Amino acid sequence: MDDVLTHTPQRTCIGCRKREPRSALVRLVARQHSAVVDPDGVLPGRGAWLHRRRDCLDLAIRSRACSRHLRTAITDTSDLESWFDHGSTGAG
């Protein structure tokens, strides 16, 4: 068989709820009542996926999706907001 089927992992953005290839999203991980961006996808713990767009982050914060998907109370989103405003690379 010459054709090899390749599997592209799919994840759902917790902000807009659209399914995309894993490479189009960034992983979030809970750390002491805040969420941090895990750009390499290697930090331990439960993860949630989000587009690299500020509007998706705003939707996730407004709907409390970060707390729900990470299964812990996320009370500080300042690091996330800063990353999405200044530190993200690439378009999602």
PDB file of N, CA and C in Angstrom:
ATOM      1  N   MET A   1       0.850  -1.165   0.000  1.00  0.00           N
ATOM      2  CA  MET A   1       0.000   0.000   0.000  1.00  0.00           C
ATOM      3  C   MET A   1       0.901   1.236   0.000  1.00  0.00           C
ATOM      4  N   ASP A   2       0.787   2.052  -1.020  1.00  0.00           N
ATOM      5  CA  ASP A   2       1.634   3.219  -1.163  1.00  0.00           C
ATOM      6  C   ASP A   2       1.162   4.406  -0.334  1.00  0.00           C
ATOM      7  N   ASP A   3      -0.134   4.545  -0.198  1.00  0.00           N
ATOM      8  CA  ASP A   3      -0.674   5.677   0.563  1.00  0.00           C
ATOM      9  C   ASP A   3      -0.650   5.357   2.045  1.00  0.00           C
ATOM     10  N   VAL A   4       0.000   6.205   2.790  1.00  0.00           N
ATOM     11  CA  VAL A   4       0.059   6.036   4.226  1.00  0.00           C
ATOM     12  C   VAL A   4      -0.852   7.083   4.848  1.00  0.00           C
ATOM     13  N   LEU A   5      -1.774   6.620   5.642  1.00  0.00           N
ATOM     14  CA  LEU A   5      -2.685   7.540   6.315  1.00  0.00           C
ATOM     15  C   LEU A   5      -1.961   8.165   7.494  1.00  0.00           C
ATOM     16  N   THR A   6      -2.007   9.467   7.573  1.00  0.00           N
ATOM     17  CA  THR A   6      -1.395  10.144   8.706  1.00  0.00           C
ATOM     18  C   THR A   6      -2.484  10.757   9.569  1.00  0.00           C
ATOM     19  N   HIS A   7      -2.267  10.680  10.843  1.00  0.00           N
ATOM     20  CA  HIS A   7      -3.231  11.216  11.801  1.00  0.00           C
ATOM     21  C   HIS A   7      -2.726  12.558  12.307  1.00  0.00           C
ATOM     22  N   THR A   8      -3.544  13.577  12.211  1.00  0.00           N
ATOM     23  CA  THR A   8      -3.229  14.889  12.749  1.00  0.00           C
ATOM     24  C   THR A   8      -4.053  15.083  14.012  1.00  0.00           C
ATOM     25  N   PRO A   9      -3.389  15.195  15.172  1.00  0.00           N
ATOM     26  CA  PRO A   9      -4.147  15.376  16.408  1.00  0.00           C
ATOM     27  C   PRO A   9      -5.009  16.639  16.354  1.00  0.00           C
ATOM     28  N   GLN A  10      -6.251  16.522  16.776  1.00  0.00           N
ATOM     29  CA  GLN A  10      -7.194  17.637  16.797  1.00  0.00           C
ATOM     30  C   GLN A  10      -7.488  18.016  18.242  1.00  0.00           C
ATOM     31  N   ARG A  11      -7.634  19.305  18.489  1.00  0.00           N
ATOM     32  CA  ARG A  11      -8.008  19.802  19.805  1.00  0.00           C
ATOM     33  C   ARG A  11      -9.109  20.845  19.618  1.00  0.00           C
ATOM     34  N   THR A  12      -9.852  21.108  20.682  1.00  0.00           N
ATOM     35  CA  THR A  12     -10.922  22.091  20.644  1.00  0.00           C
ATOM     36  C   THR A  12     -10.520  23.314  21.457  1.00  0.00           C
ATOM     37  N   CYS A  13     -10.658  24.478  20.864  1.00  0.00           N
ATOM     38  CA  CYS A  13     -10.377  25.735  21.551  1.00  0.00           C
ATOM     39  C   CYS A  13     -11.443  25.952  22.631  1.00  0.00           C
ATOM     40  N   ILE A  14     -11.006  26.222  23.867  1.00  0.00           N
ATOM     41  CA  ILE A  14     -11.982  26.418  24.943  1.00  0.00           C
ATOM     42  C   ILE A  14     -12.663  27.774  24.860  1.00  0.00           C
ATOM     43  N   GLY A  15     -12.179  28.649  23.997  1.00  0.00           N
ATOM     44  CA  GLY A  15     -12.813  29.955  23.813  1.00  0.00           C
ATOM     45  C   GLY A  15     -13.933  29.889  22.791  1.00  0.00           C
ATOM     46  N   CYS A  16     -13.577  29.626  21.545  1.00  0.00           N
ATOM     47  CA  CYS A  16     -14.571  29.647  20.459  1.00  0.00           C
ATOM     48  C   CYS A  16     -15.175  28.276  20.162  1.00  0.00           C
ATOM     49  N   ARG A  17     -14.610  27.211  20.759  1.00  0.00           N
ATOM     50  CA  ARG A  17     -15.108  25.827  20.627  1.00  0.00           C
ATOM     51  C   ARG A  17     -14.906  25.236  19.230  1.00  0.00           C
ATOM     52  N   LYS A  18     -14.006  25.798  18.423  1.00  0.00           N
ATOM     53  CA  LYS A  18     -13.722  25.241  17.103  1.00  0.00           C
ATOM     54  C   LYS A  18     -12.611  24.203  17.217  1.00  0.00           C
ATOM     55  N   ARG A  19     -12.757  23.113  16.470  1.00  0.00           N
ATOM     56  CA  ARG A  19     -11.721  22.071  16.428  1.00  0.00           C
ATOM     57  C   ARG A  19     -10.689  22.450  15.379  1.00  0.00           C
ATOM     58  N   GLU A  20      -9.433  22.299  15.749  1.00  0.00           N
ATOM     59  CA  GLU A  20      -8.315  22.639  14.873  1.00  0.00           C
ATOM     60  C   GLU A  20      -7.198  21.627  15.095  1.00  0.00           C
ATOM     61  N   PRO A  21      -6.243  21.564  14.173  1.00  0.00           N
ATOM     62  CA  PRO A  21      -5.061  20.751  14.451  1.00  0.00           C
ATOM     63  C   PRO A  21      -4.347  21.287  15.689  1.00  0.00           C
ATOM     64  N   ARG A  22      -3.759  20.391  16.428  1.00  0.00           N
ATOM     65  CA  ARG A  22      -3.069  20.766  17.665  1.00  0.00           C
ATOM     66  C   ARG A  22      -2.054  21.890  17.437  1.00  0.00           C
ATOM     67  N   SER A  23      -1.420  21.897  16.283  1.00  0.00           N
ATOM     68  CA  SER A  23      -0.394  22.896  15.985  1.00  0.00           C
ATOM     69  C   SER A  23      -0.955  24.313  15.856  1.00  0.00           C
ATOM     70  N   ALA A  24      -2.261  24.460  15.676  1.00  0.00           N
ATOM     71  CA  ALA A  24      -2.872  25.783  15.525  1.00  0.00           C
ATOM     72  C   ALA A  24      -3.281  26.390  16.864  1.00  0.00           C
ATOM     73  N   LEU A  25      -3.141  25.610  17.936  1.00  0.00           N
ATOM     74  CA  LEU A  25      -3.573  26.053  19.254  1.00  0.00           C
ATOM     75  C   LEU A  25      -2.393  26.076  20.212  1.00  0.00           C
ATOM     76  N   VAL A  26      -2.573  26.725  21.348  1.00  0.00           N
ATOM     77  CA  VAL A  26      -1.565  26.752  22.392  1.00  0.00           C
ATOM     78  C   VAL A  26      -2.181  26.110  23.642  1.00  0.00           C
ATOM     79  N   ARG A  27      -1.350  25.398  24.392  1.00  0.00           N
ATOM     80  CA  ARG A  27      -1.821  24.678  25.575  1.00  0.00           C
ATOM     81  C   ARG A  27      -1.701  25.560  26.806  1.00  0.00           C
ATOM     82  N   LEU A  28      -2.711  25.486  27.669  1.00  0.00           N
ATOM     83  CA  LEU A  28      -2.706  26.179  28.954  1.00  0.00           C
ATOM     84  C   LEU A  28      -2.631  25.133  30.058  1.00  0.00           C
ATOM     85  N   VAL A  29      -1.937  25.471  31.144  1.00  0.00           N
ATOM     86  CA  VAL A  29      -1.807  24.581  32.291  1.00  0.00           C
ATOM     87  C   VAL A  29      -2.037  25.401  33.549  1.00  0.00           C
ATOM     88  N   ALA A  30      -2.701  24.813  34.549  1.00  0.00           N
ATOM     89  CA  ALA A  30      -2.963  25.505  35.808  1.00  0.00           C
ATOM     90  C   ALA A  30      -1.711  25.508  36.672  1.00  0.00           C
ATOM     91  N   ARG A  31      -1.448  26.668  37.292  1.00  0.00           N
ATOM     92  CA  ARG A  31      -0.339  26.840  38.234  1.00  0.00           C
ATOM     93  C   ARG A  31      -0.783  27.792  39.335  1.00  0.00           C
ATOM     94  N   GLN A  32      -1.059  27.269  40.538  1.00  0.00           N
ATOM     95  CA  GLN A  32      -1.373  28.066  41.723  1.00  0.00           C
ATOM     96  C   GLN A  32      -2.387  29.184  41.465  1.00  0.00           C
ATOM     97  N   HIS A  33      -3.593  28.838  41.141  1.00  0.00           N
ATOM     98  CA  HIS A  33      -4.713  29.754  40.919  1.00  0.00           C
ATOM     99  C   HIS A  33      -4.541  30.667  39.704  1.00  0.00           C
ATOM    100  N   SER A  34      -3.612  30.319  38.837  1.00  0.00           N
ATOM    101  CA  SER A  34      -3.492  31.044  37.577  1.00  0.00           C
ATOM    102  C   SER A  34      -3.258  30.003  36.488  1.00  0.00           C
ATOM    103  N   ALA A  35      -3.350  30.445  35.273  1.00  0.00           N
ATOM    104  CA  ALA A  35      -3.071  29.569  34.141  1.00  0.00           C
ATOM    105  C   ALA A  35      -1.874  30.136  33.407  1.00  0.00           C
ATOM    106  N   VAL A  36      -1.002  29.248  32.943  1.00  0.00           N
ATOM    107  CA  VAL A  36       0.175  29.678  32.186  1.00  0.00           C
ATOM    108  C   VAL A  36       0.142  29.030  30.818  1.00  0.00           C
ATOM    109  N   VAL A  37       0.776  29.676  29.873  1.00  0.00           N
ATOM    110  CA  VAL A  37       0.876  29.156  28.515  1.00  0.00           C
ATOM    111  C   VAL A  37       2.009  28.142  28.480  1.00  0.00           C
ATOM    112  N   ASP A  38       1.749  27.010  27.878  1.00  0.00           N
ATOM    113  CA  ASP A  38       2.735  25.946  27.706  1.00  0.00           C
ATOM    114  C   ASP A  38       3.002  25.796  26.205  1.00  0.00           C
ATOM    115  N   PRO A  39       3.826  26.676  25.623  1.00  0.00           N
ATOM    116  CA  PRO A  39       3.992  26.681  24.164  1.00  0.00           C
ATOM    117  C   PRO A  39       4.584  25.388  23.602  1.00  0.00           C
ATOM    118  N   ASP A  40       5.369  24.664  24.408  1.00  0.00           N
ATOM    119  CA  ASP A  40       5.950  23.411  23.929  1.00  0.00           C
ATOM    120  C   ASP A  40       5.060  22.214  24.213  1.00  0.00           C
ATOM    121  N   GLY A  41       4.029  22.394  25.028  1.00  0.00           N
ATOM    122  CA  GLY A  41       3.098  21.307  25.326  1.00  0.00           C
ATOM    123  C   GLY A  41       3.695  20.208  26.175  1.00  0.00           C
ATOM    124  N   VAL A  42       4.629  20.555  27.071  1.00  0.00           N
ATOM    125  CA  VAL A  42       5.316  19.519  27.838  1.00  0.00           C
ATOM    126  C   VAL A  42       5.160  19.653  29.349  1.00  0.00           C
ATOM    127  N   LEU A  43       4.551  20.731  29.838  1.00  0.00           N
ATOM    128  CA  LEU A  43       4.399  20.900  31.280  1.00  0.00           C
ATOM    129  C   LEU A  43       3.462  19.845  31.844  1.00  0.00           C
ATOM    130  N   PRO A  44       3.740  19.377  33.063  1.00  0.00           N
ATOM    131  CA  PRO A  44       2.858  18.374  33.662  1.00  0.00           C
ATOM    132  C   PRO A  44       1.529  18.993  34.074  1.00  0.00           C
ATOM    133  N   GLY A  45       0.535  18.175  34.163  1.00  0.00           N
ATOM    134  CA  GLY A  45      -0.771  18.628  34.617  1.00  0.00           C
ATOM    135  C   GLY A  45      -1.796  18.634  33.509  1.00  0.00           C
ATOM    136  N   ARG A  46      -3.012  18.863  33.922  1.00  0.00           N
ATOM    137  CA  ARG A  46      -4.129  18.900  32.988  1.00  0.00           C
ATOM    138  C   ARG A  46      -4.009  20.127  32.087  1.00  0.00           C
ATOM    139  N   GLY A  47      -4.250  19.948  30.835  1.00  0.00           N
ATOM    140  CA  GLY A  47      -4.133  21.045  29.882  1.00  0.00           C
ATOM    141  C   GLY A  47      -5.454  21.398  29.236  1.00  0.00           C
ATOM    142  N   ALA A  48      -5.511  22.603  28.721  1.00  0.00           N
ATOM    143  CA  ALA A  48      -6.646  23.086  27.937  1.00  0.00           C
ATOM    144  C   ALA A  48      -6.049  23.796  26.734  1.00  0.00           C
ATOM    145  N   TRP A  49      -6.780  23.850  25.647  1.00  0.00           N
ATOM    146  CA  TRP A  49      -6.247  24.368  24.389  1.00  0.00           C
ATOM    147  C   TRP A  49      -6.997  25.621  23.965  1.00  0.00           C
ATOM    148  N   LEU A  50      -6.240  26.550  23.376  1.00  0.00           N
ATOM    149  CA  LEU A  50      -6.807  27.839  23.014  1.00  0.00           C
ATOM    150  C   LEU A  50      -6.106  28.347  21.762  1.00  0.00           C
ATOM    151  N   HIS A  51      -6.869  28.992  20.874  1.00  0.00           N
ATOM    152  CA  HIS A  51      -6.236  29.666  19.734  1.00  0.00           C
ATOM    153  C   HIS A  51      -5.301  30.746  20.248  1.00  0.00           C
ATOM    154  N   ARG A  52      -4.345  31.127  19.442  1.00  0.00           N
ATOM    155  CA  ARG A  52      -3.390  32.178  19.821  1.00  0.00           C
ATOM    156  C   ARG A  52      -3.969  33.569  19.533  1.00  0.00           C
ATOM    157  N   ARG A  53      -5.239  33.745  19.782  1.00  0.00           N
ATOM    158  CA  ARG A  53      -5.921  35.012  19.516  1.00  0.00           C
ATOM    159  C   ARG A  53      -6.528  35.550  20.806  1.00  0.00           C
ATOM    160  N   ARG A  54      -6.428  36.845  20.988  1.00  0.00           N
ATOM    161  CA  ARG A  54      -6.938  37.474  22.203  1.00  0.00           C
ATOM    162  C   ARG A  54      -8.455  37.310  22.333  1.00  0.00           C
ATOM    163  N   ASP A  55      -9.189  37.328  21.213  1.00  0.00           N
ATOM    164  CA  ASP A  55     -10.647  37.196  21.316  1.00  0.00           C
ATOM    165  C   ASP A  55     -11.047  35.831  21.877  1.00  0.00           C
ATOM    166  N   CYS A  56     -10.296  34.784  21.561  1.00  0.00           N
ATOM    167  CA  CYS A  56     -10.586  33.459  22.127  1.00  0.00           C
ATOM    168  C   CYS A  56     -10.283  33.435  23.622  1.00  0.00           C
ATOM    169  N   LEU A  57      -9.199  34.089  24.032  1.00  0.00           N
ATOM    170  CA  LEU A  57      -8.890  34.188  25.459  1.00  0.00           C
ATOM    171  C   LEU A  57     -10.003  34.934  26.178  1.00  0.00           C
ATOM    172  N   ASP A  58     -10.461  36.044  25.617  1.00  0.00           N
ATOM    173  CA  ASP A  58     -11.536  36.816  26.246  1.00  0.00           C
ATOM    174  C   ASP A  58     -12.803  35.976  26.407  1.00  0.00           C
ATOM    175  N   LEU A  59     -13.140  35.191  25.397  1.00  0.00           N
ATOM    176  CA  LEU A  59     -14.308  34.304  25.490  1.00  0.00           C
ATOM    177  C   LEU A  59     -14.123  33.271  26.599  1.00  0.00           C
ATOM    178  N   ALA A  60     -12.926  32.706  26.688  1.00  0.00           N
ATOM    179  CA  ALA A  60     -12.646  31.684  27.706  1.00  0.00           C
ATOM    180  C   ALA A  60     -12.721  32.272  29.111  1.00  0.00           C
ATOM    181  N   ILE A  61     -12.218  33.489  29.286  1.00  0.00           N
ATOM    182  CA  ILE A  61     -12.274  34.139  30.598  1.00  0.00           C
ATOM    183  C   ILE A  61     -13.711  34.478  30.962  1.00  0.00           C
ATOM    184  N   ARG A  62     -14.441  35.060  30.019  1.00  0.00           N
ATOM    185  CA  ARG A  62     -15.823  35.482  30.259  1.00  0.00           C
ATOM    186  C   ARG A  62     -16.719  34.288  30.624  1.00  0.00           C
ATOM    187  N   SER A  63     -16.499  33.156  29.969  1.00  0.00           N
ATOM    188  CA  SER A  63     -17.345  31.983  30.213  1.00  0.00           C
ATOM    189  C   SER A  63     -16.794  31.076  31.318  1.00  0.00           C
ATOM    190  N   ARG A  64     -15.680  31.479  31.933  1.00  0.00           N
ATOM    191  CA  ARG A  64     -15.010  30.703  32.985  1.00  0.00           C
ATOM    192  C   ARG A  64     -14.554  29.331  32.483  1.00  0.00           C
ATOM    193  N   ALA A  65     -14.263  29.239  31.196  1.00  0.00           N
ATOM    194  CA  ALA A  65     -13.852  27.969  30.600  1.00  0.00           C
ATOM    195  C   ALA A  65     -12.490  27.508  31.117  1.00  0.00           C
ATOM    196  N   CYS A  66     -11.601  28.440  31.435  1.00  0.00           N
ATOM    197  CA  CYS A  66     -10.280  28.049  31.961  1.00  0.00           C
ATOM    198  C   CYS A  66     -10.439  27.241  33.246  1.00  0.00           C
ATOM    199  N   SER A  67     -11.208  27.756  34.185  1.00  0.00           N
ATOM    200  CA  SER A  67     -11.428  27.052  35.456  1.00  0.00           C
ATOM    201  C   SER A  67     -12.115  25.715  35.230  1.00  0.00           C
ATOM    202  N   ARG A  68     -13.102  25.712  34.368  1.00  0.00           N
ATOM    203  CA  ARG A  68     -13.870  24.492  34.121  1.00  0.00           C
ATOM    204  C   ARG A  68     -13.006  23.410  33.480  1.00  0.00           C
ATOM    205  N   HIS A  69     -12.242  23.748  32.458  1.00  0.00           N
ATOM    206  CA  HIS A  69     -11.464  22.752  31.736  1.00  0.00           C
ATOM    207  C   HIS A  69     -10.195  22.332  32.470  1.00  0.00           C
ATOM    208  N   LEU A  70      -9.626  23.252  33.249  1.00  0.00           N
ATOM    209  CA  LEU A  70      -8.440  22.904  34.025  1.00  0.00           C
ATOM    210  C   LEU A  70      -8.803  22.318  35.388  1.00  0.00           C
ATOM    211  N   ARG A  71     -10.086  22.329  35.700  1.00  0.00           N
ATOM    212  CA  ARG A  71     -10.640  21.749  36.924  1.00  0.00           C
ATOM    213  C   ARG A  71     -10.012  22.314  38.187  1.00  0.00           C
ATOM    214  N   THR A  72      -9.804  23.615  38.196  1.00  0.00           N
ATOM    215  CA  THR A  72      -9.326  24.330  39.370  1.00  0.00           C
ATOM    216  C   THR A  72      -9.742  25.791  39.241  1.00  0.00           C
ATOM    217  N   ALA A  73      -9.827  26.478  40.366  1.00  0.00           N
ATOM    218  CA  ALA A  73     -10.236  27.880  40.343  1.00  0.00           C
ATOM    219  C   ALA A  73      -9.107  28.739  39.785  1.00  0.00           C
ATOM    220  N   ILE A  74      -9.334  29.352  38.650  1.00  0.00           N
ATOM    221  CA  ILE A  74      -8.370  30.272  38.051  1.00  0.00           C
ATOM    222  C   ILE A  74      -8.826  31.681  38.402  1.00  0.00           C
ATOM    223  N   THR A  75      -8.105  32.316  39.326  1.00  0.00           N
ATOM    224  CA  THR A  75      -8.490  33.652  39.769  1.00  0.00           C
ATOM    225  C   THR A  75      -7.601  34.739  39.179  1.00  0.00           C
ATOM    226  N   ASP A  76      -6.439  34.371  38.666  1.00  0.00           N
ATOM    227  CA  ASP A  76      -5.510  35.355  38.110  1.00  0.00           C
ATOM    228  C   ASP A  76      -5.228  35.011  36.648  1.00  0.00           C
ATOM    229  N   THR A  77      -5.646  35.894  35.759  1.00  0.00           N
ATOM    230  CA  THR A  77      -5.403  35.674  34.336  1.00  0.00           C
ATOM    231  C   THR A  77      -4.418  36.680  33.757  1.00  0.00           C
ATOM    232  N   SER A  78      -3.739  37.429  34.621  1.00  0.00           N
ATOM    233  CA  SER A  78      -2.848  38.494  34.138  1.00  0.00           C
ATOM    234  C   SER A  78      -1.693  37.956  33.300  1.00  0.00           C
ATOM    235  N   ASP A  79      -1.105  36.813  33.685  1.00  0.00           N
ATOM    236  CA  ASP A  79      -0.015  36.239  32.890  1.00  0.00           C
ATOM    237  C   ASP A  79      -0.501  35.818  31.506  1.00  0.00           C
ATOM    238  N   LEU A  80      -1.685  35.231  31.464  1.00  0.00           N
ATOM    239  CA  LEU A  80      -2.261  34.836  30.172  1.00  0.00           C
ATOM    240  C   LEU A  80      -2.515  36.052  29.289  1.00  0.00           C
ATOM    241  N   GLU A  81      -3.130  37.055  29.870  1.00  0.00           N
ATOM    242  CA  GLU A  81      -3.443  38.259  29.103  1.00  0.00           C
ATOM    243  C   GLU A  81      -2.174  38.921  28.576  1.00  0.00           C
ATOM    244  N   SER A  82      -1.139  38.953  29.400  1.00  0.00           N
ATOM    245  CA  SER A  82       0.130  39.529  28.975  1.00  0.00           C
ATOM    246  C   SER A  82       0.740  38.727  27.829  1.00  0.00           C
ATOM    247  N   TRP A  83       0.697  37.399  27.908  1.00  0.00           N
ATOM    248  CA  TRP A  83       1.255  36.556  26.851  1.00  0.00           C
ATOM    249  C   TRP A  83       0.501  36.762  25.543  1.00  0.00           C
ATOM    250  N   PHE A  84      -0.819  36.815  25.632  1.00  0.00           N
ATOM    251  CA  PHE A  84      -1.609  36.986  24.417  1.00  0.00           C
ATOM    252  C   PHE A  84      -1.456  38.383  23.826  1.00  0.00           C
ATOM    253  N   ASP A  85      -1.189  39.373  24.671  1.00  0.00           N
ATOM    254  CA  ASP A  85      -1.006  40.733  24.177  1.00  0.00           C
ATOM    255  C   ASP A  85       0.397  40.974  23.617  1.00  0.00           C
ATOM    256  N   HIS A  86       1.408  40.344  24.220  1.00  0.00           N
ATOM    257  CA  HIS A  86       2.788  40.684  23.858  1.00  0.00           C
ATOM    258  C   HIS A  86       3.664  39.511  23.473  1.00  0.00           C
ATOM    259  N   GLY A  87       3.412  38.330  24.031  1.00  0.00           N
ATOM    260  CA  GLY A  87       4.378  37.243  23.877  1.00  0.00           C
ATOM    261  C   GLY A  87       4.031  36.172  22.877  1.00  0.00           C
ATOM    262  N   SER A  88       2.825  36.173  22.335  1.00  0.00           N
ATOM    263  CA  SER A  88       2.467  35.096  21.415  1.00  0.00           C
ATOM    264  C   SER A  88       3.146  35.297  20.084  1.00  0.00           C
ATOM    265  N   THR A  89       3.452  34.184  19.459  1.00  0.00           N
ATOM    266  CA  THR A  89       4.061  34.235  18.132  1.00  0.00           C
ATOM    267  C   THR A  89       3.201  33.429  17.181  1.00  0.00           C
ATOM    268  N   GLY A  90       3.111  33.884  15.983  1.00  0.00           N
ATOM    269  CA  GLY A  90       2.328  33.178  14.961  1.00  0.00           C
ATOM    270  C   GLY A  90       0.869  33.522  15.046  1.00  0.00           C
ATOM    271  N   ALA A  91       0.185  33.315  13.970  1.00  0.00           N
ATOM    272  CA  ALA A  91      -1.253  33.574  13.914  1.00  0.00           C
ATOM    273  C   ALA A  91      -1.997  32.277  14.095  1.00  0.00           C
ATOM    274  N   GLY A  92      -3.131  32.328  14.796  1.00  0.00           N
ATOM    275  CA  GLY A  92      -3.879  31.136  15.060  1.00  0.00           C
ATOM    276  C   GLY A  92      -5.097  30.997  14.249  1.00  0.00           C
TER     277      GLY A  92
END
